Amino acid sequence: MDGAPTFEEAAARIRSAPRVRASRRLSVPGFAPAAVLVPVLRRPVGPSVLFTERTREVAHHKGQVSFPGGALEPGEDPVAGALREAREEVGLEPARVEVLGTLDDQPSVSRFVVTPVLGLVADPPPVFVGDPREVAEPFEVPLATLLDRSRFRAERWGPERMPPGAPVRELLALRESFEEYDPSTSTYQVYFFDAVTGRAIWGLTARILKGLLDRAFGFSG
C-alpha cells in the first residue's frame, strides 16, 4: 500500500487477512497453549498498533516487546484468552475489540504455542495503563511506520543463539516446515522492526507482525 493508510483502509485490509489462506494450527507435545491480541487502534493521526514492554519480573521474555497476551487457562479458547490478557495487562475492555480471526500459530522458545488473535479497536481509550507486575509500559507504533520497509530487516542466526533451555530440536523442525530454517547452513531467520528508538520489535512478536503485514498489505511482496 502506497502512503499512510487511514483506519478504514487498514481495517478493510486486515479484515481480509484471515481469508487469504487458512491459518496454520500447531499442536506440539510439551508446549502449552497461549494467545496474544494484535490490536490495531483508530487514532486521529492514523491507525496504530499496541505493544507492551514486559517487566523484568515476568517469568518469560523479560524486558522484551510483546503483544498483550499469555498462557491460556484450562478450557479457554485463544480468543477468550487474548481478550482476558489484554484486559488484565493494559486495561483494554473486550467490548471495545472487534475480533477478526487468527493468524498462524507460532512456537516460542519458552515452550508455548502462541495463537495471534486479530482485533480492531475503533474507540480506544486515550491512554493505556499497564499492570505493573507484567507491563513496564504499553506503547503504540503508527501502522505507517511498521509498513516502512526501510525499518525492517532479517538476520540468519545459528541455534547456539537460542536461550538456555530452549527446545532447539523442536523449534528448528518447526521453522523448517515454515521455510525459516535452512538445514544446509543450520541457520534460521530472525526478523526485526526498527520502529521505535530504544525498543527492538523482534523474535516471536516480529514474526507475528510480519505475518499480519504480509497477508493484509503484501509487505514482503
N, C-alpha and C. Protein backbone atom coordinates (compact mmCIF):
# COMPACT_ATOMS: atom_id res chain seq x y z
N MET A 1 0.85 -1.19 0.00
CA MET A 1 0.00 0.00 0.00
C MET A 1 0.88 1.24 0.00
N ASP A 2 0.63 2.16 -0.96
CA ASP A 2 1.39 3.39 -1.04
C ASP A 2 0.79 4.43 -0.09
N GLY A 3 1.68 5.16 0.63
CA GLY A 3 1.20 6.17 1.55
C GLY A 3 0.69 5.57 2.83
N ALA A 4 0.32 6.47 3.75
CA ALA A 4 -0.16 6.03 5.06
C ALA A 4 -1.64 5.68 4.96
N PRO A 5 -2.04 4.46 5.34
CA PRO A 5 -3.45 4.10 5.25
C PRO A 5 -4.27 4.77 6.34
N THR A 6 -5.52 5.10 6.03
CA THR A 6 -6.45 5.52 7.06
C THR A 6 -6.87 4.30 7.88
N PHE A 7 -7.54 4.54 9.00
CA PHE A 7 -8.01 3.42 9.79
C PHE A 7 -8.99 2.58 8.99
N GLU A 8 -9.87 3.22 8.23
CA GLU A 8 -10.86 2.47 7.45
C GLU A 8 -10.18 1.63 6.38
N GLU A 9 -9.16 2.19 5.71
CA GLU A 9 -8.43 1.41 4.69
C GLU A 9 -7.70 0.24 5.32
N ALA A 10 -7.06 0.52 6.45
CA ALA A 10 -6.34 -0.56 7.14
C ALA A 10 -7.30 -1.63 7.63
N ALA A 11 -8.43 -1.21 8.17
CA ALA A 11 -9.41 -2.17 8.69
C ALA A 11 -9.91 -3.08 7.59
N ALA A 12 -10.16 -2.54 6.40
CA ALA A 12 -10.64 -3.36 5.29
C ALA A 12 -9.59 -4.40 4.91
N ARG A 13 -8.33 -3.99 4.88
CA ARG A 13 -7.25 -4.94 4.56
C ARG A 13 -7.12 -6.01 5.64
N ILE A 14 -7.16 -5.58 6.89
CA ILE A 14 -6.94 -6.51 8.00
C ILE A 14 -8.11 -7.48 8.13
N ARG A 15 -9.33 -7.01 7.85
CA ARG A 15 -10.48 -7.92 7.89
C ARG A 15 -10.32 -9.05 6.88
N SER A 16 -9.64 -8.77 5.78
CA SER A 16 -9.47 -9.80 4.75
C SER A 16 -8.32 -10.74 5.06
N ALA A 17 -7.44 -10.36 5.99
CA ALA A 17 -6.22 -11.15 6.23
C ALA A 17 -6.51 -12.61 6.58
N PRO A 18 -7.44 -12.91 7.50
CA PRO A 18 -7.69 -14.32 7.81
C PRO A 18 -8.24 -15.12 6.64
N ARG A 19 -8.75 -14.43 5.61
CA ARG A 19 -9.32 -15.14 4.46
C ARG A 19 -8.31 -15.39 3.35
N VAL A 20 -7.11 -14.81 3.48
CA VAL A 20 -6.09 -15.00 2.44
C VAL A 20 -5.75 -16.48 2.30
N ARG A 21 -5.62 -17.15 3.43
CA ARG A 21 -5.42 -18.60 3.46
C ARG A 21 -5.76 -19.07 4.87
N ALA A 22 -5.96 -20.36 5.01
CA ALA A 22 -6.25 -20.90 6.34
C ALA A 22 -5.03 -20.72 7.24
N SER A 23 -5.26 -20.27 8.46
CA SER A 23 -4.16 -20.09 9.40
C SER A 23 -3.65 -21.45 9.86
N ARG A 24 -2.33 -21.52 10.06
CA ARG A 24 -1.69 -22.77 10.46
C ARG A 24 -1.90 -22.98 11.96
N ARG A 25 -2.43 -24.14 12.32
CA ARG A 25 -2.61 -24.51 13.72
C ARG A 25 -1.54 -25.53 14.09
N LEU A 26 -1.00 -25.41 15.30
CA LEU A 26 0.05 -26.30 15.77
C LEU A 26 -0.37 -26.99 17.06
N SER A 27 0.06 -28.23 17.20
CA SER A 27 -0.05 -28.95 18.47
C SER A 27 1.29 -29.64 18.67
N VAL A 28 2.06 -29.15 19.64
CA VAL A 28 3.42 -29.64 19.84
C VAL A 28 3.51 -30.27 21.22
N PRO A 29 3.84 -31.56 21.32
CA PRO A 29 3.95 -32.19 22.64
C PRO A 29 4.91 -31.42 23.55
N GLY A 30 4.47 -31.16 24.77
CA GLY A 30 5.30 -30.45 25.73
C GLY A 30 5.20 -28.94 25.65
N PHE A 31 4.44 -28.42 24.67
CA PHE A 31 4.25 -26.97 24.54
C PHE A 31 2.83 -26.62 25.03
N ALA A 32 2.71 -25.60 25.86
CA ALA A 32 1.41 -25.18 26.39
C ALA A 32 0.76 -24.16 25.45
N PRO A 33 -0.58 -24.11 25.43
CA PRO A 33 -1.26 -23.13 24.56
C PRO A 33 -1.25 -21.74 25.17
N ALA A 34 -1.08 -20.74 24.31
CA ALA A 34 -1.10 -19.34 24.72
C ALA A 34 -1.72 -18.54 23.59
N ALA A 35 -2.05 -17.29 23.86
CA ALA A 35 -2.62 -16.42 22.83
C ALA A 35 -2.20 -14.98 23.10
N VAL A 36 -2.10 -14.21 22.02
CA VAL A 36 -1.86 -12.77 22.14
C VAL A 36 -2.90 -12.04 21.31
N LEU A 37 -3.19 -10.81 21.71
CA LEU A 37 -4.06 -9.94 20.93
C LEU A 37 -3.19 -8.99 20.13
N VAL A 38 -3.48 -8.88 18.84
CA VAL A 38 -2.78 -7.93 17.96
C VAL A 38 -3.76 -6.78 17.72
N PRO A 39 -3.71 -5.72 18.53
CA PRO A 39 -4.73 -4.67 18.46
C PRO A 39 -4.32 -3.53 17.53
N VAL A 40 -5.14 -3.25 16.55
CA VAL A 40 -4.95 -2.11 15.65
C VAL A 40 -5.97 -1.05 16.05
N LEU A 41 -5.46 0.12 16.39
CA LEU A 41 -6.28 1.17 17.01
C LEU A 41 -6.54 2.33 16.06
N ARG A 42 -7.73 2.91 16.17
CA ARG A 42 -8.01 4.16 15.46
C ARG A 42 -7.46 5.32 16.29
N ARG A 43 -6.62 6.13 15.68
CA ARG A 43 -6.10 7.35 16.31
C ARG A 43 -6.27 8.51 15.34
N PRO A 44 -6.36 9.75 15.84
CA PRO A 44 -6.56 10.90 14.94
C PRO A 44 -5.50 11.02 13.85
N VAL A 45 -4.26 10.61 14.13
CA VAL A 45 -3.18 10.74 13.15
C VAL A 45 -3.07 9.52 12.25
N GLY A 46 -3.93 8.53 12.46
CA GLY A 46 -3.88 7.32 11.66
C GLY A 46 -3.83 6.09 12.55
N PRO A 47 -4.01 4.90 11.96
CA PRO A 47 -4.05 3.68 12.78
C PRO A 47 -2.70 3.40 13.42
N SER A 48 -2.75 2.81 14.60
CA SER A 48 -1.53 2.41 15.30
C SER A 48 -1.72 0.99 15.83
N VAL A 49 -0.60 0.37 16.20
CA VAL A 49 -0.60 -0.99 16.75
C VAL A 49 -0.10 -0.92 18.19
N LEU A 50 -0.79 -1.60 19.08
CA LEU A 50 -0.46 -1.57 20.50
C LEU A 50 0.50 -2.70 20.86
N PHE A 51 1.57 -2.35 21.55
CA PHE A 51 2.55 -3.30 22.07
C PHE A 51 2.73 -3.06 23.56
N THR A 52 3.43 -3.98 24.20
CA THR A 52 3.83 -3.77 25.59
C THR A 52 5.32 -4.06 25.73
N GLU A 53 5.95 -3.36 26.64
CA GLU A 53 7.30 -3.73 27.07
C GLU A 53 7.16 -4.48 28.38
N ARG A 54 7.64 -5.69 28.43
CA ARG A 54 7.47 -6.54 29.59
C ARG A 54 8.41 -6.12 30.72
N THR A 55 7.99 -6.37 31.94
CA THR A 55 8.83 -6.05 33.08
C THR A 55 9.97 -7.06 33.19
N ARG A 56 10.87 -6.80 34.12
CA ARG A 56 11.96 -7.74 34.40
C ARG A 56 11.54 -8.81 35.40
N GLU A 57 10.30 -8.71 35.89
CA GLU A 57 9.82 -9.66 36.90
C GLU A 57 9.04 -10.83 36.32
N VAL A 58 8.64 -10.74 35.05
CA VAL A 58 7.85 -11.82 34.46
C VAL A 58 8.73 -13.05 34.27
N ALA A 59 8.05 -14.20 34.13
CA ALA A 59 8.79 -15.47 34.05
C ALA A 59 9.52 -15.63 32.72
N HIS A 60 8.93 -15.12 31.63
CA HIS A 60 9.49 -15.35 30.30
C HIS A 60 9.67 -14.03 29.55
N HIS A 61 10.71 -13.96 28.73
CA HIS A 61 10.95 -12.83 27.82
C HIS A 61 11.02 -11.50 28.58
N LYS A 62 11.79 -11.48 29.61
CA LYS A 62 11.94 -10.29 30.47
C LYS A 62 12.41 -9.09 29.66
N GLY A 63 11.72 -7.97 29.83
CA GLY A 63 12.11 -6.71 29.21
C GLY A 63 11.89 -6.62 27.71
N GLN A 64 11.30 -7.64 27.11
CA GLN A 64 11.13 -7.63 25.66
C GLN A 64 9.80 -7.00 25.25
N VAL A 65 9.71 -6.67 23.98
CA VAL A 65 8.48 -6.13 23.41
C VAL A 65 7.56 -7.29 23.02
N SER A 66 6.29 -7.16 23.35
CA SER A 66 5.34 -8.22 23.03
C SER A 66 3.97 -7.60 22.75
N PHE A 67 3.06 -8.42 22.26
CA PHE A 67 1.66 -8.07 22.24
C PHE A 67 1.04 -8.47 23.57
N PRO A 68 -0.07 -7.85 23.98
CA PRO A 68 -0.75 -8.31 25.20
C PRO A 68 -1.15 -9.78 25.04
N GLY A 69 -0.87 -10.58 26.05
CA GLY A 69 -1.22 -11.99 25.95
C GLY A 69 -0.54 -12.84 26.99
N GLY A 70 -0.79 -14.13 26.93
CA GLY A 70 -0.19 -15.05 27.88
C GLY A 70 -0.78 -16.44 27.75
N ALA A 71 -0.48 -17.27 28.71
CA ALA A 71 -0.93 -18.66 28.71
C ALA A 71 -2.45 -18.74 28.84
N LEU A 72 -3.04 -19.73 28.18
CA LEU A 72 -4.47 -19.95 28.29
C LEU A 72 -4.80 -20.68 29.58
N GLU A 73 -5.95 -20.36 30.15
CA GLU A 73 -6.44 -21.08 31.30
C GLU A 73 -7.11 -22.38 30.83
N PRO A 74 -7.25 -23.37 31.72
CA PRO A 74 -7.86 -24.64 31.31
C PRO A 74 -9.23 -24.43 30.68
N GLY A 75 -9.42 -25.00 29.49
CA GLY A 75 -10.70 -24.90 28.80
C GLY A 75 -10.93 -23.60 28.06
N GLU A 76 -9.98 -22.69 28.09
CA GLU A 76 -10.15 -21.38 27.47
C GLU A 76 -9.70 -21.42 26.01
N ASP A 77 -10.47 -20.78 25.12
CA ASP A 77 -10.06 -20.73 23.72
C ASP A 77 -9.17 -19.52 23.49
N PRO A 78 -8.43 -19.48 22.36
CA PRO A 78 -7.48 -18.38 22.14
C PRO A 78 -8.10 -16.99 22.14
N VAL A 79 -9.29 -16.84 21.57
CA VAL A 79 -9.91 -15.51 21.53
C VAL A 79 -10.22 -15.03 22.94
N ALA A 80 -10.86 -15.89 23.73
CA ALA A 80 -11.18 -15.52 25.11
C ALA A 80 -9.92 -15.23 25.90
N GLY A 81 -8.88 -16.04 25.69
CA GLY A 81 -7.64 -15.84 26.43
C GLY A 81 -6.95 -14.54 26.05
N ALA A 82 -6.90 -14.23 24.75
CA ALA A 82 -6.26 -13.00 24.31
C ALA A 82 -6.99 -11.77 24.85
N LEU A 83 -8.32 -11.80 24.81
CA LEU A 83 -9.10 -10.67 25.33
C LEU A 83 -8.93 -10.53 26.84
N ARG A 84 -8.91 -11.64 27.55
CA ARG A 84 -8.72 -11.59 29.01
C ARG A 84 -7.36 -11.00 29.35
N GLU A 85 -6.32 -11.48 28.66
CA GLU A 85 -4.98 -11.00 28.95
C GLU A 85 -4.84 -9.51 28.63
N ALA A 86 -5.46 -9.06 27.53
CA ALA A 86 -5.38 -7.64 27.19
C ALA A 86 -6.06 -6.77 28.24
N ARG A 87 -7.17 -7.25 28.78
CA ARG A 87 -7.84 -6.51 29.85
C ARG A 87 -6.96 -6.47 31.10
N GLU A 88 -6.38 -7.61 31.45
CA GLU A 88 -5.56 -7.67 32.67
C GLU A 88 -4.26 -6.88 32.53
N GLU A 89 -3.64 -6.93 31.35
CA GLU A 89 -2.32 -6.32 31.20
C GLU A 89 -2.36 -4.83 30.91
N VAL A 90 -3.32 -4.38 30.09
CA VAL A 90 -3.33 -2.96 29.70
C VAL A 90 -4.68 -2.29 29.89
N GLY A 91 -5.67 -3.01 30.44
CA GLY A 91 -6.97 -2.40 30.70
C GLY A 91 -7.83 -2.23 29.46
N LEU A 92 -7.56 -2.97 28.38
CA LEU A 92 -8.39 -2.89 27.18
C LEU A 92 -9.62 -3.77 27.36
N GLU A 93 -10.77 -3.15 27.41
CA GLU A 93 -12.01 -3.89 27.65
C GLU A 93 -12.39 -4.70 26.40
N PRO A 94 -12.77 -5.97 26.58
CA PRO A 94 -13.13 -6.80 25.42
C PRO A 94 -14.22 -6.20 24.55
N ALA A 95 -15.16 -5.46 25.14
CA ALA A 95 -16.26 -4.90 24.36
C ALA A 95 -15.77 -3.88 23.33
N ARG A 96 -14.59 -3.34 23.51
CA ARG A 96 -14.04 -2.37 22.55
C ARG A 96 -13.40 -3.04 21.33
N VAL A 97 -13.22 -4.35 21.39
CA VAL A 97 -12.42 -5.05 20.37
C VAL A 97 -13.33 -5.76 19.38
N GLU A 98 -13.14 -5.48 18.11
CA GLU A 98 -13.78 -6.26 17.04
C GLU A 98 -12.80 -7.37 16.66
N VAL A 99 -13.12 -8.59 17.04
CA VAL A 99 -12.24 -9.72 16.76
C VAL A 99 -12.46 -10.17 15.32
N LEU A 100 -11.36 -10.30 14.58
CA LEU A 100 -11.44 -10.60 13.16
C LEU A 100 -11.05 -12.03 12.80
N GLY A 101 -10.32 -12.69 13.67
CA GLY A 101 -9.84 -14.03 13.37
C GLY A 101 -8.45 -14.22 13.93
N THR A 102 -7.76 -15.21 13.42
CA THR A 102 -6.43 -15.55 13.95
C THR A 102 -5.42 -15.66 12.81
N LEU A 103 -4.16 -15.52 13.18
CA LEU A 103 -3.05 -15.75 12.27
C LEU A 103 -2.40 -17.09 12.61
N ASP A 104 -1.30 -17.41 11.93
CA ASP A 104 -0.62 -18.68 12.15
C ASP A 104 -0.16 -18.84 13.60
N ASP A 105 -0.38 -20.02 14.16
CA ASP A 105 0.23 -20.34 15.46
C ASP A 105 1.74 -20.23 15.35
N GLN A 106 2.36 -19.79 16.44
CA GLN A 106 3.81 -19.62 16.47
C GLN A 106 4.38 -20.33 17.69
N PRO A 107 5.44 -21.15 17.51
CA PRO A 107 6.09 -21.77 18.66
C PRO A 107 7.07 -20.79 19.30
N SER A 108 7.18 -20.84 20.62
CA SER A 108 8.09 -19.93 21.32
C SER A 108 9.21 -20.70 22.00
N VAL A 109 10.31 -19.99 22.28
CA VAL A 109 11.45 -20.61 22.95
C VAL A 109 11.11 -21.01 24.38
N SER A 110 10.02 -20.47 24.93
CA SER A 110 9.61 -20.80 26.29
C SER A 110 8.56 -21.91 26.33
N ARG A 111 8.47 -22.69 25.23
CA ARG A 111 7.61 -23.88 25.14
C ARG A 111 6.12 -23.54 25.19
N PHE A 112 5.74 -22.53 24.44
CA PHE A 112 4.33 -22.23 24.22
C PHE A 112 4.04 -22.29 22.73
N VAL A 113 2.81 -22.67 22.39
CA VAL A 113 2.28 -22.46 21.05
C VAL A 113 1.34 -21.28 21.15
N VAL A 114 1.70 -20.18 20.47
CA VAL A 114 1.00 -18.91 20.63
C VAL A 114 0.08 -18.68 19.43
N THR A 115 -1.20 -18.45 19.71
CA THR A 115 -2.17 -18.12 18.67
C THR A 115 -2.38 -16.60 18.66
N PRO A 116 -2.03 -15.91 17.55
CA PRO A 116 -2.28 -14.47 17.46
C PRO A 116 -3.73 -14.21 17.06
N VAL A 117 -4.40 -13.37 17.82
CA VAL A 117 -5.80 -13.00 17.57
C VAL A 117 -5.83 -11.56 17.05
N LEU A 118 -6.43 -11.36 15.88
CA LEU A 118 -6.51 -10.03 15.30
C LEU A 118 -7.68 -9.26 15.87
N GLY A 119 -7.44 -7.98 16.23
CA GLY A 119 -8.52 -7.17 16.76
C GLY A 119 -8.44 -5.73 16.29
N LEU A 120 -9.57 -5.17 15.89
CA LEU A 120 -9.67 -3.74 15.58
C LEU A 120 -10.31 -3.02 16.75
N VAL A 121 -9.77 -1.84 17.08
CA VAL A 121 -10.30 -1.06 18.19
C VAL A 121 -10.62 0.33 17.64
N ALA A 122 -11.88 0.54 17.27
CA ALA A 122 -12.29 1.81 16.66
C ALA A 122 -12.42 2.92 17.68
N ASP A 123 -12.63 2.55 18.95
CA ASP A 123 -12.82 3.56 20.01
C ASP A 123 -11.90 3.22 21.19
N PRO A 124 -10.59 3.38 21.02
CA PRO A 124 -9.68 3.02 22.11
C PRO A 124 -9.68 4.07 23.19
N PRO A 125 -9.29 3.71 24.40
CA PRO A 125 -9.12 4.72 25.44
C PRO A 125 -7.99 5.66 25.06
N PRO A 126 -7.97 6.89 25.62
CA PRO A 126 -6.91 7.84 25.26
C PRO A 126 -5.51 7.30 25.57
N VAL A 127 -5.38 6.61 26.69
CA VAL A 127 -4.09 6.01 27.07
C VAL A 127 -4.35 4.64 27.67
N PHE A 128 -3.32 3.82 27.68
CA PHE A 128 -3.39 2.51 28.31
C PHE A 128 -2.47 2.51 29.53
N VAL A 129 -2.93 1.85 30.57
CA VAL A 129 -2.14 1.74 31.80
C VAL A 129 -1.82 0.27 32.01
N GLY A 130 -0.53 -0.05 32.10
CA GLY A 130 -0.12 -1.43 32.23
C GLY A 130 -0.17 -1.95 33.64
N ASP A 131 -0.44 -3.24 33.78
CA ASP A 131 -0.34 -3.92 35.06
C ASP A 131 1.14 -3.91 35.45
N PRO A 132 1.51 -3.27 36.55
CA PRO A 132 2.94 -3.11 36.88
C PRO A 132 3.66 -4.42 37.15
N ARG A 133 2.92 -5.49 37.41
CA ARG A 133 3.58 -6.79 37.62
C ARG A 133 4.09 -7.37 36.32
N GLU A 134 3.44 -7.03 35.20
CA GLU A 134 3.77 -7.66 33.92
C GLU A 134 4.23 -6.68 32.85
N VAL A 135 3.74 -5.44 32.91
CA VAL A 135 3.96 -4.50 31.82
C VAL A 135 4.71 -3.28 32.34
N ALA A 136 5.93 -3.08 31.82
CA ALA A 136 6.68 -1.88 32.18
C ALA A 136 6.03 -0.65 31.55
N GLU A 137 5.56 -0.82 30.30
CA GLU A 137 4.90 0.30 29.62
C GLU A 137 4.17 -0.19 28.38
N PRO A 138 2.88 0.17 28.23
CA PRO A 138 2.22 -0.03 26.94
C PRO A 138 2.66 1.10 26.00
N PHE A 139 2.80 0.79 24.72
CA PHE A 139 3.14 1.85 23.77
C PHE A 139 2.57 1.49 22.40
N GLU A 140 2.42 2.51 21.57
CA GLU A 140 1.84 2.33 20.25
C GLU A 140 2.85 2.73 19.17
N VAL A 141 2.74 2.08 18.02
CA VAL A 141 3.56 2.41 16.86
C VAL A 141 2.62 2.65 15.69
N PRO A 142 2.76 3.78 14.99
CA PRO A 142 1.89 4.00 13.83
C PRO A 142 2.03 2.87 12.82
N LEU A 143 0.91 2.45 12.25
CA LEU A 143 0.94 1.40 11.24
C LEU A 143 1.81 1.82 10.05
N ALA A 144 1.77 3.10 9.70
CA ALA A 144 2.59 3.58 8.58
C ALA A 144 4.07 3.36 8.84
N THR A 145 4.50 3.50 10.09
CA THR A 145 5.90 3.26 10.43
C THR A 145 6.25 1.79 10.26
N LEU A 146 5.36 0.91 10.70
CA LEU A 146 5.61 -0.52 10.58
C LEU A 146 5.62 -0.97 9.12
N LEU A 147 4.91 -0.27 8.25
CA LEU A 147 4.86 -0.61 6.83
C LEU A 147 6.05 -0.04 6.06
N ASP A 148 6.88 0.75 6.71
CA ASP A 148 8.07 1.32 6.08
C ASP A 148 9.14 0.22 5.99
N ARG A 149 9.37 -0.30 4.80
CA ARG A 149 10.29 -1.44 4.64
C ARG A 149 11.73 -1.10 5.02
N SER A 150 12.07 0.18 5.03
CA SER A 150 13.44 0.54 5.43
C SER A 150 13.67 0.29 6.91
N ARG A 151 12.60 0.09 7.68
CA ARG A 151 12.73 -0.17 9.11
C ARG A 151 12.71 -1.67 9.43
N PHE A 152 12.60 -2.49 8.39
CA PHE A 152 12.53 -3.94 8.58
C PHE A 152 13.83 -4.58 8.13
N ARG A 153 14.28 -5.59 8.87
CA ARG A 153 15.46 -6.35 8.46
C ARG A 153 15.33 -7.79 8.95
N ALA A 154 16.10 -8.65 8.31
CA ALA A 154 16.12 -10.06 8.70
C ALA A 154 17.57 -10.49 8.85
N GLU A 155 17.83 -11.33 9.84
CA GLU A 155 19.15 -11.89 10.06
C GLU A 155 19.04 -13.40 10.13
N ARG A 156 20.14 -14.08 9.85
CA ARG A 156 20.18 -15.54 9.98
C ARG A 156 21.02 -15.87 11.21
N TRP A 157 20.44 -16.62 12.13
CA TRP A 157 21.09 -16.99 13.38
C TRP A 157 21.29 -18.49 13.44
N GLY A 158 22.31 -18.90 14.15
CA GLY A 158 22.52 -20.31 14.43
C GLY A 158 21.82 -20.71 15.71
N PRO A 159 21.56 -22.01 15.90
CA PRO A 159 20.82 -22.47 17.08
C PRO A 159 21.52 -22.16 18.40
N GLU A 160 22.83 -21.90 18.36
CA GLU A 160 23.53 -21.58 19.59
C GLU A 160 23.08 -20.24 20.18
N ARG A 161 22.36 -19.44 19.39
CA ARG A 161 21.88 -18.14 19.89
C ARG A 161 20.53 -18.24 20.58
N MET A 162 19.92 -19.42 20.57
CA MET A 162 18.69 -19.59 21.35
C MET A 162 19.02 -19.58 22.83
N PRO A 163 18.10 -19.12 23.68
CA PRO A 163 18.39 -19.01 25.10
C PRO A 163 18.58 -20.39 25.74
N PRO A 164 19.28 -20.45 26.88
CA PRO A 164 19.48 -21.72 27.57
C PRO A 164 18.13 -22.38 27.90
N GLY A 165 18.05 -23.66 27.68
CA GLY A 165 16.83 -24.40 27.98
C GLY A 165 15.80 -24.40 26.87
N ALA A 166 16.06 -23.68 25.78
CA ALA A 166 15.10 -23.65 24.67
C ALA A 166 15.02 -25.03 24.01
N PRO A 167 13.83 -25.44 23.56
CA PRO A 167 13.68 -26.73 22.87
C PRO A 167 14.18 -26.64 21.44
N VAL A 168 15.48 -26.64 21.28
CA VAL A 168 16.10 -26.33 19.99
C VAL A 168 15.64 -27.28 18.89
N ARG A 169 15.67 -28.59 19.15
CA ARG A 169 15.32 -29.56 18.11
C ARG A 169 13.90 -29.35 17.60
N GLU A 170 12.96 -29.18 18.53
CA GLU A 170 11.57 -29.00 18.12
C GLU A 170 11.39 -27.69 17.34
N LEU A 171 12.04 -26.63 17.82
CA LEU A 171 11.88 -25.34 17.15
C LEU A 171 12.46 -25.35 15.75
N LEU A 172 13.62 -25.96 15.58
CA LEU A 172 14.22 -25.98 14.25
C LEU A 172 13.39 -26.82 13.28
N ALA A 173 12.83 -27.92 13.76
CA ALA A 173 11.96 -28.73 12.90
C ALA A 173 10.74 -27.92 12.46
N LEU A 174 10.17 -27.16 13.39
CA LEU A 174 9.01 -26.34 13.05
C LEU A 174 9.40 -25.21 12.11
N ARG A 175 10.53 -24.57 12.36
CA ARG A 175 10.97 -23.49 11.50
C ARG A 175 11.24 -23.99 10.08
N GLU A 176 11.75 -25.23 9.95
CA GLU A 176 11.99 -25.78 8.62
C GLU A 176 10.68 -25.94 7.87
N SER A 177 9.63 -26.36 8.57
CA SER A 177 8.33 -26.51 7.92
C SER A 177 7.76 -25.15 7.52
N PHE A 178 8.19 -24.07 8.22
CA PHE A 178 7.75 -22.72 7.86
C PHE A 178 8.66 -22.08 6.81
N GLU A 179 9.66 -22.83 6.35
CA GLU A 179 10.67 -22.34 5.40
C GLU A 179 11.49 -21.21 6.00
N GLU A 180 11.68 -21.24 7.33
CA GLU A 180 12.50 -20.24 8.01
C GLU A 180 13.84 -20.83 8.47
N TYR A 181 14.02 -22.14 8.30
CA TYR A 181 15.25 -22.79 8.72
C TYR A 181 15.93 -23.41 7.50
N ASP A 182 17.23 -23.18 7.37
CA ASP A 182 18.00 -23.70 6.25
C ASP A 182 18.94 -24.79 6.77
N PRO A 183 18.61 -26.07 6.53
CA PRO A 183 19.47 -27.15 7.05
C PRO A 183 20.89 -27.10 6.48
N SER A 184 21.06 -26.56 5.29
CA SER A 184 22.39 -26.55 4.68
C SER A 184 23.36 -25.64 5.42
N THR A 185 22.83 -24.60 6.07
CA THR A 185 23.68 -23.68 6.83
C THR A 185 23.41 -23.75 8.33
N SER A 186 22.41 -24.56 8.72
CA SER A 186 21.99 -24.67 10.12
C SER A 186 21.67 -23.31 10.72
N THR A 187 21.00 -22.47 9.94
CA THR A 187 20.60 -21.15 10.43
C THR A 187 19.11 -20.95 10.21
N TYR A 188 18.53 -20.09 11.03
CA TYR A 188 17.12 -19.77 10.91
C TYR A 188 16.94 -18.25 10.83
N GLN A 189 15.80 -17.85 10.29
CA GLN A 189 15.51 -16.44 10.04
C GLN A 189 15.00 -15.76 11.31
N VAL A 190 15.53 -14.59 11.60
CA VAL A 190 15.07 -13.76 12.71
C VAL A 190 14.72 -12.40 12.15
N TYR A 191 13.52 -11.91 12.46
CA TYR A 191 13.03 -10.65 11.91
C TYR A 191 13.13 -9.54 12.95
N PHE A 192 13.35 -8.31 12.44
CA PHE A 192 13.43 -7.13 13.30
C PHE A 192 12.68 -5.97 12.65
N PHE A 193 11.94 -5.22 13.45
CA PHE A 193 11.36 -3.94 13.03
C PHE A 193 12.02 -2.85 13.88
N ASP A 194 12.82 -2.01 13.23
CA ASP A 194 13.49 -0.92 13.94
C ASP A 194 12.57 0.30 13.90
N ALA A 195 11.45 0.19 14.63
CA ALA A 195 10.39 1.18 14.51
C ALA A 195 10.33 2.15 15.68
N VAL A 196 10.98 1.81 16.78
CA VAL A 196 10.91 2.63 17.99
C VAL A 196 12.31 2.77 18.56
N THR A 197 12.76 3.99 18.76
CA THR A 197 14.09 4.21 19.31
C THR A 197 14.21 3.56 20.68
N GLY A 198 15.23 2.72 20.82
CA GLY A 198 15.48 2.08 22.11
C GLY A 198 14.66 0.83 22.36
N ARG A 199 13.78 0.46 21.44
CA ARG A 199 12.96 -0.74 21.60
C ARG A 199 13.03 -1.57 20.33
N ALA A 200 13.45 -2.80 20.46
CA ALA A 200 13.53 -3.69 19.31
C ALA A 200 12.29 -4.58 19.27
N ILE A 201 11.58 -4.55 18.15
CA ILE A 201 10.49 -5.49 17.91
C ILE A 201 11.09 -6.63 17.11
N TRP A 202 11.26 -7.78 17.73
CA TRP A 202 11.97 -8.88 17.09
C TRP A 202 11.41 -10.21 17.59
N GLY A 203 12.00 -11.31 17.10
CA GLY A 203 11.62 -12.63 17.57
C GLY A 203 10.18 -12.97 17.28
N LEU A 204 9.53 -13.59 18.25
CA LEU A 204 8.15 -14.04 18.09
C LEU A 204 7.21 -12.90 17.71
N THR A 205 7.34 -11.76 18.39
CA THR A 205 6.46 -10.63 18.11
C THR A 205 6.65 -10.14 16.68
N ALA A 206 7.89 -10.08 16.21
CA ALA A 206 8.14 -9.65 14.83
C ALA A 206 7.60 -10.66 13.82
N ARG A 207 7.69 -11.97 14.13
CA ARG A 207 7.13 -12.97 13.22
C ARG A 207 5.62 -12.79 13.09
N ILE A 208 4.96 -12.56 14.21
CA ILE A 208 3.51 -12.35 14.17
C ILE A 208 3.18 -11.09 13.38
N LEU A 209 3.90 -10.01 13.66
CA LEU A 209 3.65 -8.74 12.97
C LEU A 209 3.89 -8.88 11.48
N LYS A 210 4.97 -9.50 11.09
CA LYS A 210 5.25 -9.70 9.67
C LYS A 210 4.16 -10.54 9.01
N GLY A 211 3.66 -11.56 9.72
CA GLY A 211 2.58 -12.37 9.18
C GLY A 211 1.35 -11.55 8.87
N LEU A 212 1.01 -10.62 9.77
CA LEU A 212 -0.13 -9.74 9.52
C LEU A 212 0.13 -8.82 8.34
N LEU A 213 1.29 -8.17 8.33
CA LEU A 213 1.60 -7.22 7.26
C LEU A 213 1.68 -7.91 5.90
N ASP A 214 2.21 -9.13 5.87
CA ASP A 214 2.28 -9.88 4.61
C ASP A 214 0.89 -10.17 4.08
N ARG A 215 0.02 -10.66 4.94
CA ARG A 215 -1.29 -11.12 4.48
C ARG A 215 -2.25 -9.97 4.20
N ALA A 216 -2.15 -8.89 4.98
CA ALA A 216 -3.09 -7.79 4.79
C ALA A 216 -2.59 -6.73 3.80
N PHE A 217 -1.26 -6.54 3.73
CA PHE A 217 -0.72 -5.41 2.95
C PHE A 217 0.32 -5.83 1.91
N GLY A 218 0.57 -7.15 1.74
CA GLY A 218 1.58 -7.57 0.78
C GLY A 218 2.95 -7.04 1.09
N PHE A 219 3.28 -6.99 2.39
CA PHE A 219 4.51 -6.34 2.86
C PHE A 219 5.75 -6.92 2.22
N SER A 220 5.81 -8.26 2.10
CA SER A 220 7.01 -8.90 1.54
C SER A 220 6.92 -9.11 0.04
N GLY A 221 5.82 -8.66 -0.54
CA GLY A 221 5.63 -8.89 -1.97
C GLY A 221 6.40 -7.90 -2.83
